[in-house]
Protein backbone atom coordinates (compact mmCIF):
# COMPACT_ATOMS: atom_id res chain seq x y z
CA MET A 1 -17.08 -10.99 62.94
CA LEU A 2 -17.69 -7.88 60.84
CA ARG A 3 -14.45 -8.39 58.89
CA SER A 4 -15.36 -12.02 58.21
CA ALA A 5 -18.83 -11.02 57.01
CA ILE A 6 -17.39 -8.42 54.62
CA ARG A 7 -14.86 -10.93 53.29
CA ALA A 8 -17.62 -13.47 52.71
CA LYS A 9 -19.58 -10.97 50.58
CA VAL A 10 -16.60 -9.53 48.68
CA LYS A 11 -14.95 -12.83 47.74
CA PRO A 12 -17.76 -14.00 45.37
CA LEU A 13 -17.77 -10.56 43.71
CA LEU A 14 -14.01 -10.72 43.11
CA TYR A 15 -14.39 -14.19 41.64
CA LYS A 16 -17.16 -12.87 39.36
CA PHE A 17 -15.03 -9.90 38.27
CA LYS A 18 -12.06 -12.16 37.67
CA ARG A 19 -14.11 -14.42 35.39
CA ARG A 20 -15.21 -11.39 33.38
CA GLY A 21 -11.70 -10.02 33.16
CA LEU A 22 -12.46 -6.88 35.15
CA CYS A 23 -10.28 -7.65 38.12
CA SER A 24 -7.26 -8.70 36.07
CA ARG A 25 -7.59 -5.61 33.87
CA PHE A 26 -7.53 -3.37 36.94
CA LEU A 27 -4.48 -5.13 38.34
CA ASP A 28 -2.46 -5.39 35.14
CA THR A 29 -3.17 -2.37 32.94
CA GLN A 30 -2.47 0.12 35.70
CA LYS A 31 1.20 -0.48 34.99
CA GLY A 32 0.87 -1.40 31.30
CA TRP A 33 1.44 -4.60 29.38
CA LYS A 34 4.75 -6.22 28.60
CA VAL A 35 4.33 -6.83 24.86
CA VAL A 36 6.27 -8.89 22.33
CA PHE A 37 5.46 -7.95 18.73
CA TYR A 38 5.77 -10.13 15.61
CA GLY A 39 5.72 -8.47 12.18
CA THR A 40 7.47 -7.79 8.88
CA ASP A 41 5.77 -5.46 6.37
CA ASN A 42 4.22 -1.99 6.12
CA LEU A 43 0.97 -3.05 7.77
CA SER A 44 3.00 -4.51 10.64
CA GLU A 45 5.01 -1.32 10.92
CA GLU A 46 1.90 0.79 11.44
CA VAL A 47 0.82 -1.44 14.34
CA LEU A 48 4.32 -1.30 15.82
CA LYS A 49 4.27 2.50 15.59
CA ALA A 50 1.08 2.61 17.64
CA LEU A 51 2.52 0.30 20.30
CA HIS A 52 5.75 2.28 20.51
CA ALA A 53 3.97 5.65 20.63
CA ASN A 54 1.90 4.49 23.57
CA ARG A 55 4.93 3.04 25.36
CA ILE A 56 6.82 6.35 25.30
CA SER A 57 3.71 8.42 26.07
CA SER A 58 2.71 9.40 29.57
CA ASN A 59 -1.02 9.38 28.75
CA ASN A 60 -3.27 6.32 28.95
CA LYS A 61 -0.38 3.91 29.40
CA ILE A 62 -1.28 0.56 27.81
CA VAL A 63 2.19 -0.69 26.80
CA LYS A 64 4.91 -0.73 29.45
CA GLU A 65 7.61 -2.75 27.70
CA LEU A 66 7.99 -3.65 24.03
CA ASP A 67 10.19 -6.16 22.19
CA VAL A 68 10.13 -7.13 18.51
CA VAL A 69 10.54 -10.48 16.79
CA CYS A 70 11.12 -10.31 13.04
CA ILE A 71 12.85 -12.12 10.21
CA LYS A 72 16.60 -11.84 9.66
CA LEU A 73 16.22 -10.08 6.31
CA ASP A 74 15.77 -6.33 6.18
CA CYS A 75 12.09 -5.37 6.45
CA ALA A 76 9.93 -2.42 7.48
CA VAL A 77 9.55 -3.67 11.06
CA ARG A 78 13.29 -4.27 11.56
CA GLN A 79 14.08 -0.82 10.17
CA TYR A 80 11.58 0.91 12.46
CA ALA A 81 12.66 -1.04 15.55
CA THR A 82 16.33 -0.29 14.86
CA THR A 83 15.68 3.43 14.35
CA ASN A 84 13.68 3.67 17.57
CA ASN A 85 15.96 1.48 19.72
CA ILE A 86 13.33 -1.20 20.31
CA PRO A 87 14.90 -4.55 21.32
CA ILE A 88 14.92 -6.96 18.36
CA HIS A 89 14.96 -10.76 18.41
CA THR A 90 15.55 -12.59 15.14
CA TRP A 91 13.09 -15.30 14.12
CA PRO A 92 13.03 -18.14 15.09
CA TYR A 93 13.13 -16.94 18.70
CA HIS A 94 12.05 -19.00 21.71
CA LEU A 95 10.14 -16.82 24.16
CA PRO A 96 11.27 -17.22 27.76
CA PRO A 97 8.32 -18.01 30.06
CA ASN A 98 6.93 -15.31 32.37
CA THR A 99 8.58 -12.48 30.43
CA TYR A 100 5.67 -11.04 28.43
CA ASP A 101 2.02 -10.44 29.22
CA VAL A 102 0.81 -10.70 25.63
CA GLY A 103 2.07 -11.21 22.10
CA VAL A 104 0.82 -9.05 19.21
CA VAL A 105 1.06 -10.40 15.66
CA ALA A 106 0.47 -8.56 12.36
CA SER A 107 1.35 -9.85 8.88
CA PHE A 108 4.08 -12.12 10.20
CA GLY A 109 3.69 -15.10 7.87
CA HIS A 110 5.14 -17.78 10.15
CA LEU A 111 3.42 -20.21 12.51
CA ILE A 112 4.36 -19.38 16.09
CA PRO A 113 5.07 -22.46 18.28
CA SER A 114 2.61 -23.42 21.00
CA ASP A 115 5.16 -23.00 23.79
CA CYS A 116 5.80 -19.39 22.71
CA ILE A 117 2.08 -18.64 22.73
CA ARG A 118 1.76 -20.19 26.19
CA ALA A 119 4.81 -18.25 27.40
CA CYS A 120 2.70 -15.06 27.29
CA LYS A 121 0.32 -14.62 30.22
CA TYR A 122 -2.63 -13.76 27.98
CA GLY A 123 -1.47 -15.62 24.90
CA MET A 124 -1.17 -13.80 21.57
CA ILE A 125 -3.53 -11.71 19.46
CA ASN A 126 -3.40 -11.18 15.71
CA ALA A 127 -4.57 -8.32 13.46
CA HIS A 128 -5.84 -9.74 10.15
CA PRO A 129 -7.00 -7.39 7.32
CA SER A 130 -10.23 -9.14 6.34
CA LEU A 131 -13.59 -10.08 7.80
CA LEU A 132 -12.68 -13.56 8.95
CA PRO A 133 -13.44 -16.29 8.11
CA ARG A 134 -13.36 -14.69 4.64
CA TRP A 135 -9.84 -14.58 3.17
CA ARG A 136 -7.87 -16.56 5.68
CA GLY A 137 -4.25 -16.84 4.63
CA ALA A 138 -1.24 -14.93 3.39
CA ALA A 139 -2.71 -12.34 1.00
CA PRO A 140 -6.16 -11.18 2.16
CA ILE A 141 -5.94 -7.67 0.70
CA VAL A 142 -4.85 -8.94 -2.72
CA HIS A 143 -7.73 -11.41 -2.81
CA THR A 144 -10.20 -8.80 -1.58
CA ILE A 145 -9.48 -6.81 -4.75
CA LEU A 146 -9.28 -9.85 -7.04
CA GLY A 147 -12.64 -11.00 -5.69
CA GLY A 148 -14.25 -7.61 -6.30
CA ASP A 149 -15.33 -7.30 -2.65
CA ILE A 150 -17.12 -4.07 -1.86
CA GLU A 151 -16.66 -4.55 1.88
CA THR A 152 -13.74 -5.73 3.96
CA GLY A 153 -12.46 -4.99 7.45
CA VAL A 154 -10.03 -5.97 10.20
CA THR A 155 -10.40 -8.87 12.62
CA ILE A 156 -8.51 -9.24 15.90
CA THR A 157 -8.22 -12.91 16.83
CA GLN A 158 -6.47 -15.09 19.35
CA VAL A 159 -3.45 -16.80 17.84
CA SER A 160 -3.90 -20.56 17.63
CA PRO A 161 -1.00 -23.01 17.27
CA ASN A 162 -0.42 -24.97 14.05
CA LYS A 163 -2.91 -23.04 11.85
CA PHE A 164 -3.24 -19.51 10.50
CA ASP A 165 -6.25 -17.26 11.14
CA VAL A 166 -8.55 -19.78 12.86
CA GLY A 167 -8.58 -18.41 16.42
CA LYS A 168 -11.50 -16.91 18.28
CA ILE A 169 -12.60 -13.40 17.33
CA LEU A 170 -11.99 -10.68 19.92
CA LEU A 171 -12.96 -7.68 17.82
CA GLN A 172 -14.07 -7.08 14.23
CA GLU A 173 -14.77 -3.88 12.29
CA LYS A 174 -16.10 -3.47 8.74
CA TYR A 175 -14.72 -1.12 6.09
CA LYS A 176 -16.16 -0.16 2.70
CA VAL A 177 -13.60 -0.70 -0.07
CA PRO A 178 -13.11 2.58 -2.00
CA VAL A 179 -13.72 2.25 -5.74
CA GLY A 180 -10.47 1.81 -7.66
CA SER A 181 -8.42 0.75 -4.63
CA SER A 182 -5.08 -0.93 -5.24
CA SER A 183 -3.36 -3.27 -2.81
CA LYS A 184 -1.05 -0.42 -1.80
CA THR A 185 -3.80 2.09 -1.07
CA LEU A 186 -6.01 -0.47 0.69
CA THR A 187 -3.07 -1.70 2.79
CA ASP A 188 -2.46 1.89 3.92
CA GLU A 189 -6.06 2.15 5.12
CA MET A 190 -6.17 -1.31 6.69
CA SER A 191 -2.93 -0.73 8.58
CA LYS A 192 -4.32 2.37 10.31
CA ILE A 193 -7.50 0.52 11.27
CA ALA A 194 -5.53 -2.51 12.49
CA ALA A 195 -3.27 -0.33 14.66
CA ALA A 196 -6.24 1.41 16.30
CA MET A 197 -8.04 -1.89 16.89
CA ILE A 198 -4.98 -3.51 18.48
CA MET A 199 -4.69 -0.63 20.94
CA LYS A 200 -8.43 -0.79 21.65
CA THR A 201 -8.16 -4.54 22.33
CA LEU A 202 -5.11 -4.18 24.57
CA GLU A 203 -6.80 -1.46 26.61
CA LYS A 204 -9.43 -3.99 27.77
CA LEU A 205 -7.66 -7.22 26.88
CA PRO A 206 -9.12 -9.56 29.55
CA PHE A 207 -12.62 -8.34 28.72
CA TYR A 208 -12.19 -9.03 24.99
CA ILE A 209 -10.64 -12.43 25.67
CA ASP A 210 -13.52 -13.33 27.96
CA SER A 211 -16.03 -12.10 25.33
CA SER A 212 -14.33 -13.83 22.36
CA TYR A 213 -16.28 -16.20 20.14
CA PRO A 214 -15.44 -18.86 17.51
CA GLN A 215 -15.34 -17.91 13.85
CA PRO A 216 -18.43 -18.86 11.83
CA LYS A 217 -18.11 -22.08 9.86
CA GLU A 218 -19.82 -20.63 6.82
CA GLY A 219 -18.26 -18.07 4.46
CA MET A 220 -14.67 -19.27 4.72
CA THR A 221 -12.40 -18.48 1.76
CA TYR A 222 -8.64 -18.84 1.47
CA ALA A 223 -6.24 -16.10 0.35
CA ARG A 224 -3.35 -18.02 -1.13
CA LYS A 225 0.13 -16.57 -1.24
CA VAL A 226 0.82 -14.55 -4.37
CA LYS A 227 3.47 -16.08 -6.64
CA PRO A 228 5.30 -14.49 -9.61
CA GLU A 229 3.44 -16.69 -12.11
CA ASN A 230 0.13 -15.18 -10.91
CA GLY A 231 1.09 -12.04 -12.83
CA PHE A 232 0.76 -13.73 -16.24
CA LEU A 233 -1.98 -12.19 -18.38
CA ASP A 234 -3.84 -14.94 -20.19
CA TRP A 235 -5.58 -12.94 -22.91
CA GLU A 236 -7.62 -15.96 -23.94
CA LYS A 237 -9.03 -16.68 -20.46
CA ASP A 238 -8.88 -13.33 -18.66
CA THR A 239 -11.76 -10.90 -19.03
CA ALA A 240 -11.18 -7.15 -19.18
CA LEU A 241 -12.48 -6.91 -15.59
CA THR A 242 -10.14 -9.69 -14.42
CA ILE A 243 -7.13 -7.92 -15.97
CA GLU A 244 -8.11 -4.59 -14.41
CA ARG A 245 -8.45 -6.26 -11.00
CA LYS A 246 -5.11 -8.04 -11.39
CA TYR A 247 -3.50 -4.69 -12.17
CA ARG A 248 -4.82 -3.17 -8.94
CA ALA A 249 -4.44 -6.29 -6.78
CA TYR A 250 -0.86 -7.21 -7.68
CA ASP A 251 0.39 -3.64 -7.36
CA GLY A 252 3.55 -3.87 -5.27
CA PHE A 253 3.46 -7.68 -5.07
CA VAL A 254 4.21 -9.24 -8.46
CA ASP A 255 4.67 -7.96 -12.00
CA LEU A 256 2.03 -8.32 -14.67
CA TYR A 257 3.58 -9.83 -17.78
CA THR A 258 2.96 -11.19 -21.26
CA PHE A 259 5.12 -12.25 -24.23
CA TRP A 260 5.86 -10.64 -27.56
CA LYS A 261 7.14 -13.51 -29.69
CA ASP A 262 9.73 -15.06 -27.32
CA MET A 263 10.36 -11.88 -25.31
CA LYS A 264 8.85 -11.37 -21.87
CA ILE A 265 7.15 -7.99 -21.53
CA LEU A 266 6.15 -6.40 -18.21
CA ILE A 267 2.90 -4.45 -18.23
CA ILE A 268 3.49 -1.39 -16.06
CA GLU A 269 0.37 0.72 -16.59
CA ILE A 270 -3.14 -0.25 -17.65
CA VAL A 271 -5.66 2.50 -18.42
CA ASN A 272 -9.42 2.79 -18.75
CA ILE A 273 -10.65 2.69 -22.37
CA GLU A 274 -14.39 3.06 -21.81
CA GLY A 275 -16.24 4.74 -24.66
CA VAL A 276 -13.97 3.49 -27.44
CA ASN A 277 -15.77 1.65 -30.26
CA MET A 278 -13.27 -1.03 -31.26
CA ASP A 279 -15.54 -2.40 -33.98
CA VAL A 280 -14.98 0.83 -35.89
CA LEU A 281 -11.24 1.01 -35.26
CA VAL A 282 -10.33 -2.60 -35.99
CA THR A 283 -11.44 -3.43 -39.54
CA GLN A 284 -9.64 -6.77 -39.48
CA SER A 285 -12.28 -9.21 -38.26
CA PRO A 286 -12.44 -11.37 -36.34
CA VAL A 287 -9.34 -10.94 -34.17
CA SER A 288 -8.23 -13.43 -31.54
CA PRO A 289 -7.27 -12.75 -27.90
CA GLY A 290 -3.81 -11.18 -27.64
CA PHE A 291 -4.26 -8.99 -30.74
CA CYS A 292 -2.67 -5.55 -30.34
CA TYR A 293 -3.94 -2.30 -31.85
CA PHE A 294 -2.14 1.01 -31.32
CA HIS A 295 -4.43 4.02 -30.92
CA LYS A 296 -2.33 6.92 -32.20
CA ARG A 297 -4.40 9.73 -30.70
CA ARG A 298 -4.65 8.17 -27.22
CA LYS A 299 -1.14 6.66 -27.48
CA VAL A 300 -2.42 3.44 -25.95
CA ILE A 301 -2.09 -0.17 -27.06
CA PHE A 302 -5.48 -1.85 -27.07
CA VAL A 303 -5.22 -5.59 -26.41
CA LYS A 304 -8.00 -8.07 -27.16
CA CYS A 305 -8.89 -10.24 -24.17
CA GLN A 306 -11.56 -12.87 -23.57
CA ASP A 307 -14.58 -10.60 -23.64
CA GLY A 308 -13.37 -7.23 -24.86
CA TRP A 309 -10.33 -4.97 -24.79
CA CYS A 310 -7.95 -3.43 -22.25
CA GLY A 311 -5.56 -0.51 -22.66
CA VAL A 312 -1.82 -0.65 -22.04
CA LYS A 313 -0.04 2.68 -21.55
CA THR A 314 3.43 1.72 -20.28
CA LEU A 315 5.57 -1.40 -20.66
CA LYS A 316 9.01 -2.64 -19.63
CA ILE A 317 11.38 -4.40 -22.01
CA PRO A 318 14.37 -6.54 -20.93
CA LYS A 319 17.67 -4.64 -21.20
CA THR A 320 15.78 -1.56 -22.38
CA GLY A 321 13.72 -0.52 -19.40
CA THR A 322 10.37 1.21 -19.14
CA ILE A 323 8.93 2.50 -22.42
CA SER A 324 5.69 4.11 -23.58
CA ALA A 325 3.08 2.44 -25.75
CA GLN A 326 4.20 4.78 -28.54
CA ASP A 327 7.79 3.52 -28.26
CA PHE A 328 6.62 -0.10 -28.23
CA TYR A 329 4.59 0.51 -31.36
CA ASN A 330 7.53 2.16 -33.13
CA GLY A 331 10.07 -0.45 -32.06
CA PHE A 332 8.03 -3.64 -32.41
CA MET A 333 4.46 -3.43 -33.69
CA SER A 334 5.22 -1.25 -36.72
CA LYS A 335 7.83 -3.75 -37.93
CA VAL A 336 5.40 -6.66 -38.41
CA LYS A 337 2.27 -7.10 -40.46
CA GLU A 338 -0.97 -6.06 -38.76
CA ASN A 339 -2.23 -9.63 -38.62
CA GLN A 340 0.92 -10.60 -36.70
CA CYS A 341 0.53 -8.02 -33.90
CA TYR A 342 -0.18 -10.43 -31.08
CA PHE A 343 0.83 -10.93 -27.48
CA ALA A 344 1.16 -14.64 -26.68
CA VAL A 345 -1.90 -16.32 -25.15
CA ASN A 346 0.08 -18.95 -23.24
CA LYS A 347 3.38 -19.27 -21.39
CA LYS A 348 5.05 -21.62 -23.87
């Protein structure tokens, strides 16, 4: 009788705990999760490092087993997994059912099939470097800088089939964008935050799943994949601020370029030219966008854009390599009349 009475009182409590994720967390995380990880780039690698470090550690065991799925081509994740003897499966890879507890995704870039998501006991979670629903898509960090955002963050979501970055939010943290950040420097910061948040989510995974909520409908923007043609500097349409943001945003993704006559020129380094009075320096007036003026003391090429000027310090010439603004002036600008010193304003 007493045993039956105790069972009658305990059973509803267990059901309540199970619904909240508390019971399943106690049962599963005592021995650690069996994790399959999907990733490719440097941000992915930082998350993988955190998972691997926990797996081989004897303290606060969250990850028991770890496999990696990545593309066939050489990438940061494949290199790290190979070096650290982590089992690797080449994409596309069909997950066998009842093998993994949870999938972790970071900067993977491919839609994962529904049956693979369902093959994991707790589905899959994704680390996305933006405050979703802002900047859904392939290049959130690039578009954060292009958009002049002063705040960004990392969002941990459930992975949904057939669409990127639309799943329920499990965890979200804000981050103030440092002034002057490039895509490289911001990626370094976001990757550390993403790694810590993934581990935090896994530590209480059932709780975060149970507490997840849909993304807001308002505020959605799309971070389209960066293509080589995005690096073209349209002096007629681009403002000085736009060009400066492109320089920082496309760092490590695509080259900035323009044309001198019929020759494609890569713009390697753009510098700040605040405080320079161009009305005094350039006596030829008016000048059109694309006009180039070499400042001999600063050794910088000033280029007229839509609303002002920007400064070019270093360039790259086909078959010649990287050269200074001084060398470009000596080899090209000094050989034409001043009124012919123009970068092209279109791609034709």
